Amino acid sequence: MENTISILENLKRETQKDESEIISMAFKTGLKHLWRELILGKYLRGKVSRDEAIETVGIDWVELAERQKKAMMEDLESALKK
């Protein structure tokens, strides 16, 4: 896997943006990702409603989280039967 400096250099070259702009974009993207994971985790644990999760992160992310949880539960159930 490439190191952070290599990735930053590649992004600078490919996007024609300066380092500070790329770092700012990365920071914002990271925060959005962390927020989305927090909301989806709360939804899957029943701490926020489905509607609230959809309003906050969008239907696509909520449906993806639901599918992933269903698949995980099916795998767990299968493993426990063995």
PDB file of N, CA and C in Angstrom:
ATOM      1  N   MET A   1       0.849  -1.188   0.000  1.00  0.00           N
ATOM      2  CA  MET A   1       0.000   0.000   0.000  1.00  0.00           C
ATOM      3  C   MET A   1       0.886   1.241   0.000  1.00  0.00           C
ATOM      4  N   GLU A   2       0.440   2.207  -0.733  1.00  0.00           N
ATOM      5  CA  GLU A   2       1.202   3.445  -0.820  1.00  0.00           C
ATOM      6  C   GLU A   2       1.171   4.192   0.511  1.00  0.00           C
ATOM      7  N   ASN A   3       2.245   4.904   0.769  1.00  0.00           N
ATOM      8  CA  ASN A   3       2.243   5.703   1.992  1.00  0.00           C
ATOM      9  C   ASN A   3       1.527   7.035   1.750  1.00  0.00           C
ATOM     10  N   THR A   4       1.271   7.742   2.800  1.00  0.00           N
ATOM     11  CA  THR A   4       0.489   8.973   2.742  1.00  0.00           C
ATOM     12  C   THR A   4       1.115  10.019   1.831  1.00  0.00           C
ATOM     13  N   ILE A   5       2.417  10.165   1.895  1.00  0.00           N
ATOM     14  CA  ILE A   5       3.101  11.160   1.060  1.00  0.00           C
ATOM     15  C   ILE A   5       2.933  10.821  -0.417  1.00  0.00           C
ATOM     16  N   SER A   6       3.066   9.543  -0.770  1.00  0.00           N
ATOM     17  CA  SER A   6       2.889   9.128  -2.166  1.00  0.00           C
ATOM     18  C   SER A   6       1.480   9.416  -2.654  1.00  0.00           C
ATOM     19  N   ILE A   7       0.525   9.103  -1.810  1.00  0.00           N
ATOM     20  CA  ILE A   7      -0.873   9.346  -2.177  1.00  0.00           C
ATOM     21  C   ILE A   7      -1.104  10.839  -2.374  1.00  0.00           C
ATOM     22  N   LEU A   8      -0.601  11.644  -1.463  1.00  0.00           N
ATOM     23  CA  LEU A   8      -0.751  13.091  -1.570  1.00  0.00           C
ATOM     24  C   LEU A   8      -0.110  13.605  -2.853  1.00  0.00           C
ATOM     25  N   GLU A   9       1.077  13.146  -3.165  1.00  0.00           N
ATOM     26  CA  GLU A   9       1.766  13.572  -4.392  1.00  0.00           C
ATOM     27  C   GLU A   9       0.973  13.160  -5.632  1.00  0.00           C
ATOM     28  N   ASN A  10       0.452  11.940  -5.634  1.00  0.00           N
ATOM     29  CA  ASN A  10      -0.367  11.488  -6.767  1.00  0.00           C
ATOM     30  C   ASN A  10      -1.633  12.318  -6.908  1.00  0.00           C
ATOM     31  N   LEU A  11      -2.275  12.619  -5.798  1.00  0.00           N
ATOM     32  CA  LEU A  11      -3.487  13.442  -5.850  1.00  0.00           C
ATOM     33  C   LEU A  11      -3.180  14.845  -6.369  1.00  0.00           C
ATOM     34  N   LYS A  12      -2.086  15.406  -5.916  1.00  0.00           N
ATOM     35  CA  LYS A  12      -1.688  16.737  -6.399  1.00  0.00           C
ATOM     36  C   LYS A  12      -1.498  16.715  -7.916  1.00  0.00           C
ATOM     37  N   ARG A  13      -0.783  15.716  -8.392  1.00  0.00           N
ATOM     38  CA  ARG A  13      -0.506  15.615  -9.821  1.00  0.00           C
ATOM     39  C   ARG A  13      -1.786  15.363 -10.626  1.00  0.00           C
ATOM     40  N   GLU A  14      -2.612  14.439 -10.159  1.00  0.00           N
ATOM     41  CA  GLU A  14      -3.804  14.053 -10.919  1.00  0.00           C
ATOM     42  C   GLU A  14      -4.923  15.096 -10.880  1.00  0.00           C
ATOM     43  N   THR A  15      -5.035  15.807  -9.761  1.00  0.00           N
ATOM     44  CA  THR A  15      -6.137  16.761  -9.626  1.00  0.00           C
ATOM     45  C   THR A  15      -5.743  18.197  -9.923  1.00  0.00           C
ATOM     46  N   GLN A  16      -4.436  18.440  -9.999  1.00  0.00           N
ATOM     47  CA  GLN A  16      -3.934  19.802 -10.215  1.00  0.00           C
ATOM     48  C   GLN A  16      -4.362  20.742  -9.088  1.00  0.00           C
ATOM     49  N   LYS A  17      -4.487  20.199  -7.891  1.00  0.00           N
ATOM     50  CA  LYS A  17      -4.836  20.999  -6.713  1.00  0.00           C
ATOM     51  C   LYS A  17      -3.607  21.081  -5.820  1.00  0.00           C
ATOM     52  N   ASP A  18      -3.549  22.141  -5.003  1.00  0.00           N
ATOM     53  CA  ASP A  18      -2.392  22.247  -4.119  1.00  0.00           C
ATOM     54  C   ASP A  18      -2.601  21.399  -2.869  1.00  0.00           C
ATOM     55  N   GLU A  19      -1.511  21.187  -2.167  1.00  0.00           N
ATOM     56  CA  GLU A  19      -1.495  20.290  -1.007  1.00  0.00           C
ATOM     57  C   GLU A  19      -2.505  20.685   0.055  1.00  0.00           C
ATOM     58  N   SER A  20      -2.602  21.965   0.357  1.00  0.00           N
ATOM     59  CA  SER A  20      -3.518  22.396   1.416  1.00  0.00           C
ATOM     60  C   SER A  20      -4.975  22.131   1.044  1.00  0.00           C
ATOM     61  N   GLU A  21      -5.309  22.282  -0.229  1.00  0.00           N
ATOM     62  CA  GLU A  21      -6.683  22.008  -0.665  1.00  0.00           C
ATOM     63  C   GLU A  21      -6.992  20.515  -0.563  1.00  0.00           C
ATOM     64  N   ILE A  22      -6.050  19.678  -0.943  1.00  0.00           N
ATOM     65  CA  ILE A  22      -6.245  18.227  -0.859  1.00  0.00           C
ATOM     66  C   ILE A  22      -6.376  17.791   0.599  1.00  0.00           C
ATOM     67  N   ILE A  23      -5.538  18.336   1.466  1.00  0.00           N
ATOM     68  CA  ILE A  23      -5.608  17.985   2.883  1.00  0.00           C
ATOM     69  C   ILE A  23      -6.942  18.437   3.476  1.00  0.00           C
ATOM     70  N   SER A  24      -7.409  19.621   3.083  1.00  0.00           N
ATOM     71  CA  SER A  24      -8.703  20.109   3.558  1.00  0.00           C
ATOM     72  C   SER A  24      -9.830  19.187   3.093  1.00  0.00           C
ATOM     73  N   MET A  25      -9.775  18.786   1.822  1.00  0.00           N
ATOM     74  CA  MET A  25     -10.794  17.879   1.293  1.00  0.00           C
ATOM     75  C   MET A  25     -10.753  16.533   2.023  1.00  0.00           C
ATOM     76  N   ALA A  26      -9.550  16.028   2.288  1.00  0.00           N
ATOM     77  CA  ALA A  26      -9.406  14.752   2.985  1.00  0.00           C
ATOM     78  C   ALA A  26      -9.975  14.845   4.396  1.00  0.00           C
ATOM     79  N   PHE A  27      -9.714  15.946   5.068  1.00  0.00           N
ATOM     80  CA  PHE A  27     -10.218  16.143   6.419  1.00  0.00           C
ATOM     81  C   PHE A  27     -11.746  16.161   6.422  1.00  0.00           C
ATOM     82  N   LYS A  28     -12.342  16.911   5.503  1.00  0.00           N
ATOM     83  CA  LYS A  28     -13.806  16.976   5.410  1.00  0.00           C
ATOM     84  C   LYS A  28     -14.394  15.613   5.081  1.00  0.00           C
ATOM     85  N   THR A  29     -13.761  14.911   4.142  1.00  0.00           N
ATOM     86  CA  THR A  29     -14.240  13.580   3.758  1.00  0.00           C
ATOM     87  C   THR A  29     -14.167  12.624   4.940  1.00  0.00           C
ATOM     88  N   GLY A  30     -13.070  12.686   5.683  1.00  0.00           N
ATOM     89  CA  GLY A  30     -12.914  11.836   6.859  1.00  0.00           C
ATOM     90  C   GLY A  30     -13.962  12.116   7.916  1.00  0.00           C
ATOM     91  N   LEU A  31     -14.239  13.395   8.147  1.00  0.00           N
ATOM     92  CA  LEU A  31     -15.269  13.751   9.130  1.00  0.00           C
ATOM     93  C   LEU A  31     -16.642  13.242   8.706  1.00  0.00           C
ATOM     94  N   LYS A  32     -16.959  13.406   7.410  1.00  0.00           N
ATOM     95  CA  LYS A  32     -18.245  12.915   6.909  1.00  0.00           C
ATOM     96  C   LYS A  32     -18.346  11.408   7.086  1.00  0.00           C
ATOM     97  N   HIS A  33     -17.255  10.707   6.814  1.00  0.00           N
ATOM     98  CA  HIS A  33     -17.240   9.251   6.965  1.00  0.00           C
ATOM     99  C   HIS A  33     -17.461   8.853   8.428  1.00  0.00           C
ATOM    100  N   LEU A  34     -16.754   9.506   9.331  1.00  0.00           N
ATOM    101  CA  LEU A  34     -16.911   9.208  10.755  1.00  0.00           C
ATOM    102  C   LEU A  34     -18.332   9.493  11.224  1.00  0.00           C
ATOM    103  N   TRP A  35     -18.922  10.596  10.772  1.00  0.00           N
ATOM    104  CA  TRP A  35     -20.289  10.956  11.146  1.00  0.00           C
ATOM    105  C   TRP A  35     -21.269   9.909  10.626  1.00  0.00           C
ATOM    106  N   ARG A  36     -21.089   9.505   9.364  1.00  0.00           N
ATOM    107  CA  ARG A  36     -21.966   8.499   8.765  1.00  0.00           C
ATOM    108  C   ARG A  36     -21.879   7.193   9.544  1.00  0.00           C
ATOM    109  N   GLU A  37     -20.670   6.756   9.900  1.00  0.00           N
ATOM    110  CA  GLU A  37     -20.503   5.522  10.655  1.00  0.00           C
ATOM    111  C   GLU A  37     -21.156   5.620  12.031  1.00  0.00           C
ATOM    112  N   LEU A  38     -21.049   6.769  12.666  1.00  0.00           N
ATOM    113  CA  LEU A  38     -21.680   6.976  13.975  1.00  0.00           C
ATOM    114  C   LEU A  38     -23.200   6.842  13.869  1.00  0.00           C
ATOM    115  N   ILE A  39     -23.794   7.514  12.896  1.00  0.00           N
ATOM    116  CA  ILE A  39     -25.251   7.477  12.724  1.00  0.00           C
ATOM    117  C   ILE A  39     -25.717   6.067  12.373  1.00  0.00           C
ATOM    118  N   LEU A  40     -25.018   5.417  11.446  1.00  0.00           N
ATOM    119  CA  LEU A  40     -25.424   4.056  11.065  1.00  0.00           C
ATOM    120  C   LEU A  40     -25.282   3.091  12.232  1.00  0.00           C
ATOM    121  N   GLY A  41     -24.248   3.245  13.025  1.00  0.00           N
ATOM    122  CA  GLY A  41     -24.091   2.406  14.217  1.00  0.00           C
ATOM    123  C   GLY A  41     -25.232   2.609  15.193  1.00  0.00           C
ATOM    124  N   LYS A  42     -25.609   3.868  15.402  1.00  0.00           N
ATOM    125  CA  LYS A  42     -26.735   4.158  16.295  1.00  0.00           C
ATOM    126  C   LYS A  42     -28.020   3.562  15.744  1.00  0.00           C
ATOM    127  N   TYR A  43     -28.217   3.654  14.450  1.00  0.00           N
ATOM    128  CA  TYR A  43     -29.420   3.095  13.838  1.00  0.00           C
ATOM    129  C   TYR A  43     -29.463   1.575  14.028  1.00  0.00           C
ATOM    130  N   LEU A  44     -28.362   0.910  13.739  1.00  0.00           N
ATOM    131  CA  LEU A  44     -28.337  -0.547  13.842  1.00  0.00           C
ATOM    132  C   LEU A  44     -28.482  -1.028  15.283  1.00  0.00           C
ATOM    133  N   ARG A  45     -28.143  -0.189  16.251  1.00  0.00           N
ATOM    134  CA  ARG A  45     -28.330  -0.540  17.666  1.00  0.00           C
ATOM    135  C   ARG A  45     -29.672  -0.051  18.202  1.00  0.00           C
ATOM    136  N   GLY A  46     -30.496   0.555  17.339  1.00  0.00           N
ATOM    137  CA  GLY A  46     -31.823   0.991  17.749  1.00  0.00           C
ATOM    138  C   GLY A  46     -31.854   2.300  18.511  1.00  0.00           C
ATOM    139  N   LYS A  47     -30.786   3.081  18.420  1.00  0.00           N
ATOM    140  CA  LYS A  47     -30.735   4.340  19.170  1.00  0.00           C
ATOM    141  C   LYS A  47     -31.272   5.527  18.371  1.00  0.00           C
ATOM    142  N   VAL A  48     -31.365   5.387  17.046  1.00  0.00           N
ATOM    143  CA  VAL A  48     -32.041   6.387  16.222  1.00  0.00           C
ATOM    144  C   VAL A  48     -32.972   5.647  15.270  1.00  0.00           C
ATOM    145  N   SER A  49     -34.005   6.310  14.842  1.00  0.00           N
ATOM    146  CA  SER A  49     -34.985   5.679  13.958  1.00  0.00           C
ATOM    147  C   SER A  49     -34.428   5.542  12.543  1.00  0.00           C
ATOM    148  N   ARG A  50     -35.050   4.676  11.790  1.00  0.00           N
ATOM    149  CA  ARG A  50     -34.657   4.503  10.385  1.00  0.00           C
ATOM    150  C   ARG A  50     -34.838   5.813   9.635  1.00  0.00           C
ATOM    151  N   ASP A  51     -35.952   6.481   9.877  1.00  0.00           N
ATOM    152  CA  ASP A  51     -36.210   7.755   9.197  1.00  0.00           C
ATOM    153  C   ASP A  51     -35.135   8.792   9.517  1.00  0.00           C
ATOM    154  N   GLU A  52     -34.731   8.855  10.785  1.00  0.00           N
ATOM    155  CA  GLU A  52     -33.685   9.802  11.170  1.00  0.00           C
ATOM    156  C   GLU A  52     -32.359   9.455  10.492  1.00  0.00           C
ATOM    157  N   ALA A  53     -32.040   8.164  10.438  1.00  0.00           N
ATOM    158  CA  ALA A  53     -30.806   7.737   9.778  1.00  0.00           C
ATOM    159  C   ALA A  53     -30.847   8.085   8.295  1.00  0.00           C
ATOM    160  N   ILE A  54     -31.983   7.839   7.652  1.00  0.00           N
ATOM    161  CA  ILE A  54     -32.127   8.165   6.235  1.00  0.00           C
ATOM    162  C   ILE A  54     -31.974   9.660   6.017  1.00  0.00           C
ATOM    163  N   GLU A  55     -32.609  10.442   6.855  1.00  0.00           N
ATOM    164  CA  GLU A  55     -32.529  11.905   6.737  1.00  0.00           C
ATOM    165  C   GLU A  55     -31.085  12.387   6.913  1.00  0.00           C
ATOM    166  N   THR A  56     -30.338  11.734   7.783  1.00  0.00           N
ATOM    167  CA  THR A  56     -28.987  12.179   8.093  1.00  0.00           C
ATOM    168  C   THR A  56     -27.954  11.695   7.079  1.00  0.00           C
ATOM    169  N   VAL A  57     -28.014  10.406   6.699  1.00  0.00           N
ATOM    170  CA  VAL A  57     -26.960   9.862   5.833  1.00  0.00           C
ATOM    171  C   VAL A  57     -27.451   9.425   4.456  1.00  0.00           C
ATOM    172  N   GLY A  58     -28.757   9.309   4.277  1.00  0.00           N
ATOM    173  CA  GLY A  58     -29.299   8.922   2.980  1.00  0.00           C
ATOM    174  C   GLY A  58     -29.745   7.467   2.936  1.00  0.00           C
ATOM    175  N   ILE A  59     -30.723   7.221   2.096  1.00  0.00           N
ATOM    176  CA  ILE A  59     -31.328   5.886   1.985  1.00  0.00           C
ATOM    177  C   ILE A  59     -30.319   4.845   1.523  1.00  0.00           C
ATOM    178  N   ASP A  60     -29.433   5.214   0.602  1.00  0.00           N
ATOM    179  CA  ASP A  60     -28.475   4.241   0.083  1.00  0.00           C
ATOM    180  C   ASP A  60     -27.573   3.696   1.176  1.00  0.00           C
ATOM    181  N   TRP A  61     -27.085   4.561   2.047  1.00  0.00           N
ATOM    182  CA  TRP A  61     -26.209   4.116   3.134  1.00  0.00           C
ATOM    183  C   TRP A  61     -26.969   3.272   4.146  1.00  0.00           C
ATOM    184  N   VAL A  62     -28.209   3.655   4.436  1.00  0.00           N
ATOM    185  CA  VAL A  62     -29.013   2.890   5.395  1.00  0.00           C
ATOM    186  C   VAL A  62     -29.297   1.496   4.838  1.00  0.00           C
ATOM    187  N   GLU A  63     -29.671   1.416   3.577  1.00  0.00           N
ATOM    188  CA  GLU A  63     -29.953   0.114   2.978  1.00  0.00           C
ATOM    189  C   GLU A  63     -28.693  -0.743   2.904  1.00  0.00           C
ATOM    190  N   LEU A  64     -27.550  -0.143   2.614  1.00  0.00           N
ATOM    191  CA  LEU A  64     -26.288  -0.885   2.607  1.00  0.00           C
ATOM    192  C   LEU A  64     -25.992  -1.442   4.002  1.00  0.00           C
ATOM    193  N   ALA A  65     -26.156  -0.626   5.018  1.00  0.00           N
ATOM    194  CA  ALA A  65     -25.920  -1.075   6.395  1.00  0.00           C
ATOM    195  C   ALA A  65     -26.863  -2.214   6.760  1.00  0.00           C
ATOM    196  N   GLU A  66     -28.107  -2.121   6.338  1.00  0.00           N
ATOM    197  CA  GLU A  66     -29.085  -3.181   6.623  1.00  0.00           C
ATOM    198  C   GLU A  66     -28.675  -4.490   5.942  1.00  0.00           C
ATOM    199  N   ARG A  67     -28.251  -4.405   4.678  1.00  0.00           N
ATOM    200  CA  ARG A  67     -27.818  -5.608   3.962  1.00  0.00           C
ATOM    201  C   ARG A  67     -26.584  -6.229   4.621  1.00  0.00           C
ATOM    202  N   GLN A  68     -25.655  -5.374   5.020  1.00  0.00           N
ATOM    203  CA  GLN A  68     -24.446  -5.883   5.667  1.00  0.00           C
ATOM    204  C   GLN A  68     -24.766  -6.545   7.002  1.00  0.00           C
ATOM    205  N   LYS A  69     -25.660  -5.942   7.758  1.00  0.00           N
ATOM    206  CA  LYS A  69     -26.044  -6.539   9.044  1.00  0.00           C
ATOM    207  C   LYS A  69     -26.737  -7.877   8.820  1.00  0.00           C
ATOM    208  N   LYS A  70     -27.626  -7.936   7.829  1.00  0.00           N
ATOM    209  CA  LYS A  70     -28.334  -9.186   7.529  1.00  0.00           C
ATOM    210  C   LYS A  70     -27.341 -10.276   7.141  1.00  0.00           C
ATOM    211  N   ALA A  71     -26.378  -9.938   6.284  1.00  0.00           N
ATOM    212  CA  ALA A  71     -25.376 -10.922   5.860  1.00  0.00           C
ATOM    213  C   ALA A  71     -24.536 -11.393   7.048  1.00  0.00           C
ATOM    214  N   MET A  72     -24.161 -10.467   7.913  1.00  0.00           N
ATOM    215  CA  MET A  72     -23.369 -10.821   9.083  1.00  0.00           C
ATOM    216  C   MET A  72     -24.165 -11.742  10.004  1.00  0.00           C
ATOM    217  N   MET A  73     -25.424 -11.438  10.212  1.00  0.00           N
ATOM    218  CA  MET A  73     -26.258 -12.261  11.081  1.00  0.00           C
ATOM    219  C   MET A  73     -26.442 -13.659  10.486  1.00  0.00           C
ATOM    220  N   GLU A  74     -26.591 -13.744   9.161  1.00  0.00           N
ATOM    221  CA  GLU A  74     -26.714 -15.044   8.512  1.00  0.00           C
ATOM    222  C   GLU A  74     -25.426 -15.845   8.669  1.00  0.00           C
ATOM    223  N   ASP A  75     -24.280 -15.196   8.517  1.00  0.00           N
ATOM    224  CA  ASP A  75     -22.996 -15.868   8.704  1.00  0.00           C
ATOM    225  C   ASP A  75     -22.834 -16.348  10.137  1.00  0.00           C
ATOM    226  N   LEU A  76     -23.226 -15.517  11.086  1.00  0.00           N
ATOM    227  CA  LEU A  76     -23.129 -15.873  12.503  1.00  0.00           C
ATOM    228  C   LEU A  76     -24.032 -17.068  12.807  1.00  0.00           C
ATOM    229  N   GLU A  77     -25.237 -17.017  12.297  1.00  0.00           N
ATOM    230  CA  GLU A  77     -26.182 -18.113  12.523  1.00  0.00           C
ATOM    231  C   GLU A  77     -25.630 -19.418  11.939  1.00  0.00           C
ATOM    232  N   SER A  78     -25.054 -19.324  10.753  1.00  0.00           N
ATOM    233  CA  SER A  78     -24.476 -20.501  10.118  1.00  0.00           C
ATOM    234  C   SER A  78     -23.300 -21.049  10.927  1.00  0.00           C
ATOM    235  N   ALA A  79     -22.466 -20.173  11.433  1.00  0.00           N
ATOM    236  CA  ALA A  79     -21.296 -20.591  12.214  1.00  0.00           C
ATOM    237  C   ALA A  79     -21.720 -21.247  13.531  1.00  0.00           C
ATOM    238  N   LEU A  80     -22.798 -20.736  14.126  1.00  0.00           N
ATOM    239  CA  LEU A  80     -23.257 -21.295  15.399  1.00  0.00           C
ATOM    240  C   LEU A  80     -23.880 -22.677  15.234  1.00  0.00           C
ATOM    241  N   LYS A  81     -24.358 -22.989  14.032  1.00  0.00           N
ATOM    242  CA  LYS A  81     -24.971 -24.294  13.780  1.00  0.00           C
ATOM    243  C   LYS A  81     -23.935 -25.393  13.627  1.00  0.00           C
ATOM    244  N   LYS A  82     -22.695 -24.998  13.353  1.00  0.00           N
ATOM    245  CA  LYS A  82     -21.637 -25.997  13.128  1.00  0.00           C
ATOM    246  C   LYS A  82     -21.099 -26.559  14.401  1.00  0.00           C
TER     247      LYS A  82
END
